[in-house]
Amino acid sequence: MDSKIINEKLKELDKEDFIWLIYIGIIFMSWYSNVFERKYFIYNDLKAKEKYRKITIVIFIILTIIYLYFFNDAKNALKKLKFYDSNQKKELTKLAFIGSLLILISGFIFLYIALKDENIDVEIAFN
């Protein structure tokens, strides 16, 4: 690998490290939102229900943005494929793109559920 490719890979790893920190924050936000969800179910506390919903919506907005980033990254990798790249690289890059697209679609679906489920009838969690 030449130094340009190595530098690109290292920059990508730095971005991924930052995203992992965001995921850790989302885990804590999810845990915190469960406090409000539990309070709503036990005490029928409507303020707790709204806090839970707001936190859940923020979580899925953040996740959808992250999924958009990974989708865009996969799309760019697909565009960068060369005619002379190995068949395996082409196949795996296409599969990574499809996987990123499906995750992005799931992010939009979960965000839609979070926005529409005013009665918190559906249990959703980030995956």
C-alpha atoms as a PDB file:
ATOM      1  CA  MET A   1       0.000   0.000   0.000  1.00  0.00           C
ATOM      2  CA  ASP A   2       1.260   3.440  -0.811  1.00  0.00           C
ATOM      3  CA  SER A   3       1.363   6.244   1.747  1.00  0.00           C
ATOM      4  CA  LYS A   4      -1.670   8.040   0.280  1.00  0.00           C
ATOM      5  CA  ILE A   5      -3.886   4.974   0.800  1.00  0.00           C
ATOM      6  CA  ILE A   6      -2.480   4.431   4.294  1.00  0.00           C
ATOM      7  CA  ASN A   7      -3.192   8.057   5.231  1.00  0.00           C
ATOM      8  CA  GLU A   8      -6.768   7.745   3.923  1.00  0.00           C
ATOM      9  CA  LYS A   9      -7.276   4.566   5.958  1.00  0.00           C
ATOM     10  CA  LEU A  10      -5.907   6.240   9.100  1.00  0.00           C
ATOM     11  CA  LYS A  11      -8.249   9.229   8.634  1.00  0.00           C
ATOM     12  CA  GLU A  12     -11.165   6.825   8.266  1.00  0.00           C
ATOM     13  CA  LEU A  13     -10.147   5.073  11.480  1.00  0.00           C
ATOM     14  CA  ASP A  14     -10.086   8.430  13.296  1.00  0.00           C
ATOM     15  CA  LYS A  15     -13.641   9.106  12.088  1.00  0.00           C
ATOM     16  CA  GLU A  16     -14.742   5.635  13.157  1.00  0.00           C
ATOM     17  CA  ASP A  17     -13.195   6.164  16.613  1.00  0.00           C
ATOM     18  CA  PHE A  18     -15.304   9.315  16.975  1.00  0.00           C
ATOM     19  CA  ILE A  19     -18.415   7.418  15.888  1.00  0.00           C
ATOM     20  CA  TRP A  20     -17.696   4.752  18.526  1.00  0.00           C
ATOM     21  CA  LEU A  21     -17.685   7.513  21.148  1.00  0.00           C
ATOM     22  CA  ILE A  22     -21.053   8.660  19.858  1.00  0.00           C
ATOM     23  CA  TYR A  23     -22.338   5.074  20.127  1.00  0.00           C
ATOM     24  CA  ILE A  24     -21.198   4.971  23.759  1.00  0.00           C
ATOM     25  CA  GLY A  25     -23.138   8.195  24.342  1.00  0.00           C
ATOM     26  CA  ILE A  26     -26.185   6.642  22.679  1.00  0.00           C
ATOM     27  CA  ILE A  27     -25.931   3.629  24.963  1.00  0.00           C
ATOM     28  CA  PHE A  28     -26.021   5.923  27.993  1.00  0.00           C
ATOM     29  CA  MET A  29     -28.885   7.943  26.507  1.00  0.00           C
ATOM     30  CA  SER A  30     -30.807   4.708  25.905  1.00  0.00           C
ATOM     31  CA  TRP A  31     -30.168   3.567  29.447  1.00  0.00           C
ATOM     32  CA  TYR A  32     -31.265   6.980  30.773  1.00  0.00           C
ATOM     33  CA  SER A  33     -34.421   6.967  28.635  1.00  0.00           C
ATOM     34  CA  ASN A  34     -35.372   3.608  30.151  1.00  0.00           C
ATOM     35  CA  VAL A  35     -35.637   5.362  33.526  1.00  0.00           C
ATOM     36  CA  PHE A  36     -38.396   7.566  32.096  1.00  0.00           C
ATOM     37  CA  GLU A  37     -40.077   4.726  30.247  1.00  0.00           C
ATOM     38  CA  ARG A  38     -40.175   2.682  33.457  1.00  0.00           C
ATOM     39  CA  LYS A  39     -41.515   5.675  35.401  1.00  0.00           C
ATOM     40  CA  TYR A  40     -44.269   6.107  32.834  1.00  0.00           C
ATOM     41  CA  PHE A  41     -45.340   2.467  32.977  1.00  0.00           C
ATOM     42  CA  ILE A  42     -45.240   2.242  36.779  1.00  0.00           C
ATOM     43  CA  TYR A  43     -46.733   5.633  37.696  1.00  0.00           C
ATOM     44  CA  ASN A  44     -48.456   6.640  34.438  1.00  0.00           C
ATOM     45  CA  ASP A  45     -46.269   9.769  34.525  1.00  0.00           C
ATOM     46  CA  LEU A  46     -47.003  11.613  31.270  1.00  0.00           C
ATOM     47  CA  LYS A  47     -44.016  13.956  31.675  1.00  0.00           C
ATOM     48  CA  ALA A  48     -41.736  10.923  31.933  1.00  0.00           C
ATOM     49  CA  LYS A  49     -43.339   9.501  28.797  1.00  0.00           C
ATOM     50  CA  GLU A  50     -42.598  12.697  26.856  1.00  0.00           C
ATOM     51  CA  LYS A  51     -39.004  12.800  28.116  1.00  0.00           C
ATOM     52  CA  TYR A  52     -38.590   9.191  27.016  1.00  0.00           C
ATOM     53  CA  ARG A  53     -40.018   9.976  23.572  1.00  0.00           C
ATOM     54  CA  LYS A  54     -37.819  13.043  23.098  1.00  0.00           C
ATOM     55  CA  ILE A  55     -34.667  11.167  24.067  1.00  0.00           C
ATOM     56  CA  THR A  56     -35.626   8.261  21.785  1.00  0.00           C
ATOM     57  CA  ILE A  57     -36.224  10.614  18.857  1.00  0.00           C
ATOM     58  CA  VAL A  58     -32.840  12.296  19.417  1.00  0.00           C
ATOM     59  CA  ILE A  59     -31.173   8.879  19.559  1.00  0.00           C
ATOM     60  CA  PHE A  60     -32.639   7.828  16.228  1.00  0.00           C
ATOM     61  CA  ILE A  61     -31.869  11.162  14.574  1.00  0.00           C
ATOM     62  CA  ILE A  62     -28.226  10.744  15.605  1.00  0.00           C
ATOM     63  CA  LEU A  63     -28.180   7.124  14.453  1.00  0.00           C
ATOM     64  CA  THR A  64     -29.725   8.014  11.099  1.00  0.00           C
ATOM     65  CA  ILE A  65     -27.036  10.651  10.569  1.00  0.00           C
ATOM     66  CA  ILE A  66     -24.366   8.053  11.373  1.00  0.00           C
ATOM     67  CA  TYR A  67     -26.020   5.574   9.002  1.00  0.00           C
ATOM     68  CA  LEU A  68     -26.050   8.282   6.313  1.00  0.00           C
ATOM     69  CA  TYR A  69     -22.318   8.772   6.850  1.00  0.00           C
ATOM     70  CA  PHE A  70     -21.610   5.051   6.440  1.00  0.00           C
ATOM     71  CA  PHE A  71     -23.919   4.831   3.426  1.00  0.00           C
ATOM     72  CA  ASN A  72     -22.130   7.758   1.783  1.00  0.00           C
ATOM     73  CA  ASP A  73     -18.767   6.161   2.569  1.00  0.00           C
ATOM     74  CA  ALA A  74     -19.894   2.868   1.009  1.00  0.00           C
ATOM     75  CA  LYS A  75     -21.234   4.719  -2.038  1.00  0.00           C
ATOM     76  CA  ASN A  76     -17.901   6.490  -2.478  1.00  0.00           C
ATOM     77  CA  ALA A  77     -16.039   3.183  -2.175  1.00  0.00           C
ATOM     78  CA  LEU A  78     -18.286   1.777  -4.894  1.00  0.00           C
ATOM     79  CA  LYS A  79     -17.512   4.756  -7.145  1.00  0.00           C
ATOM     80  CA  LYS A  80     -13.770   4.311  -6.558  1.00  0.00           C
ATOM     81  CA  LEU A  81     -13.740   0.751  -7.850  1.00  0.00           C
ATOM     82  CA  LYS A  82     -11.438   0.296 -10.795  1.00  0.00           C
ATOM     83  CA  PHE A  83     -11.839  -2.036 -13.736  1.00  0.00           C
ATOM     84  CA  TYR A  84      -8.686  -3.899 -12.707  1.00  0.00           C
ATOM     85  CA  ASP A  85      -9.740  -4.413  -9.054  1.00  0.00           C
ATOM     86  CA  SER A  86     -10.185  -8.042  -8.087  1.00  0.00           C
ATOM     87  CA  ASN A  87     -13.598  -9.639  -8.436  1.00  0.00           C
ATOM     88  CA  GLN A  88     -13.616 -10.288  -4.694  1.00  0.00           C
ATOM     89  CA  LYS A  89     -13.001  -6.605  -3.911  1.00  0.00           C
ATOM     90  CA  LYS A  90     -15.784  -5.600  -6.314  1.00  0.00           C
ATOM     91  CA  GLU A  91     -18.214  -8.123  -4.835  1.00  0.00           C
ATOM     92  CA  LEU A  92     -17.455  -7.233  -1.214  1.00  0.00           C
ATOM     93  CA  THR A  93     -17.636  -3.494  -1.911  1.00  0.00           C
ATOM     94  CA  LYS A  94     -21.032  -3.942  -3.556  1.00  0.00           C
ATOM     95  CA  LEU A  95     -22.238  -6.041  -0.622  1.00  0.00           C
ATOM     96  CA  ALA A  96     -20.977  -3.411   1.848  1.00  0.00           C
ATOM     97  CA  PHE A  97     -22.935  -0.791  -0.098  1.00  0.00           C
ATOM     98  CA  ILE A  98     -26.101  -2.909  -0.002  1.00  0.00           C
ATOM     99  CA  GLY A  99     -25.635  -3.551   3.721  1.00  0.00           C
ATOM    100  CA  SER A 100     -25.162   0.172   4.393  1.00  0.00           C
ATOM    101  CA  LEU A 101     -28.261   0.961   2.352  1.00  0.00           C
ATOM    102  CA  LEU A 102     -30.334  -1.539   4.316  1.00  0.00           C
ATOM    103  CA  ILE A 103     -29.070  -0.202   7.650  1.00  0.00           C
ATOM    104  CA  LEU A 104     -29.900   3.338   6.500  1.00  0.00           C
ATOM    105  CA  ILE A 105     -33.409   2.220   5.556  1.00  0.00           C
ATOM    106  CA  SER A 106     -33.811   0.600   8.985  1.00  0.00           C
ATOM    107  CA  GLY A 107     -32.643   3.854  10.602  1.00  0.00           C
ATOM    108  CA  PHE A 108     -35.329   5.812   8.752  1.00  0.00           C
ATOM    109  CA  ILE A 109     -37.948   3.216   9.722  1.00  0.00           C
ATOM    110  CA  PHE A 110     -36.980   3.323  13.416  1.00  0.00           C
ATOM    111  CA  LEU A 111     -36.916   7.127  13.354  1.00  0.00           C
ATOM    112  CA  TYR A 112     -40.389   7.130  11.803  1.00  0.00           C
ATOM    113  CA  ILE A 113     -41.625   4.755  14.521  1.00  0.00           C
ATOM    114  CA  ALA A 114     -40.084   6.944  17.242  1.00  0.00           C
ATOM    115  CA  LEU A 115     -41.801  10.016  15.812  1.00  0.00           C
ATOM    116  CA  LYS A 116     -45.209   8.416  15.305  1.00  0.00           C
ATOM    117  CA  ASP A 117     -45.498   6.156  18.353  1.00  0.00           C
ATOM    118  CA  GLU A 118     -47.014   8.693  20.748  1.00  0.00           C
ATOM    119  CA  ASN A 119     -48.331   5.968  23.057  1.00  0.00           C
ATOM    120  CA  ILE A 120     -44.991   4.112  23.127  1.00  0.00           C
ATOM    121  CA  ASP A 121     -46.727   0.911  22.092  1.00  0.00           C
ATOM    122  CA  VAL A 122     -43.713  -0.369  20.155  1.00  0.00           C
ATOM    123  CA  GLU A 123     -40.405  -1.204  21.783  1.00  0.00           C
ATOM    124  CA  ILE A 124     -37.554   0.025  19.612  1.00  0.00           C
ATOM    125  CA  ALA A 125     -33.869  -0.075  20.325  1.00  0.00           C
ATOM    126  CA  PHE A 126     -30.848   0.947  18.320  1.00  0.00           C
ATOM    127  CA  ASN A 127     -29.086  -2.017  16.765  1.00  0.00           C
END
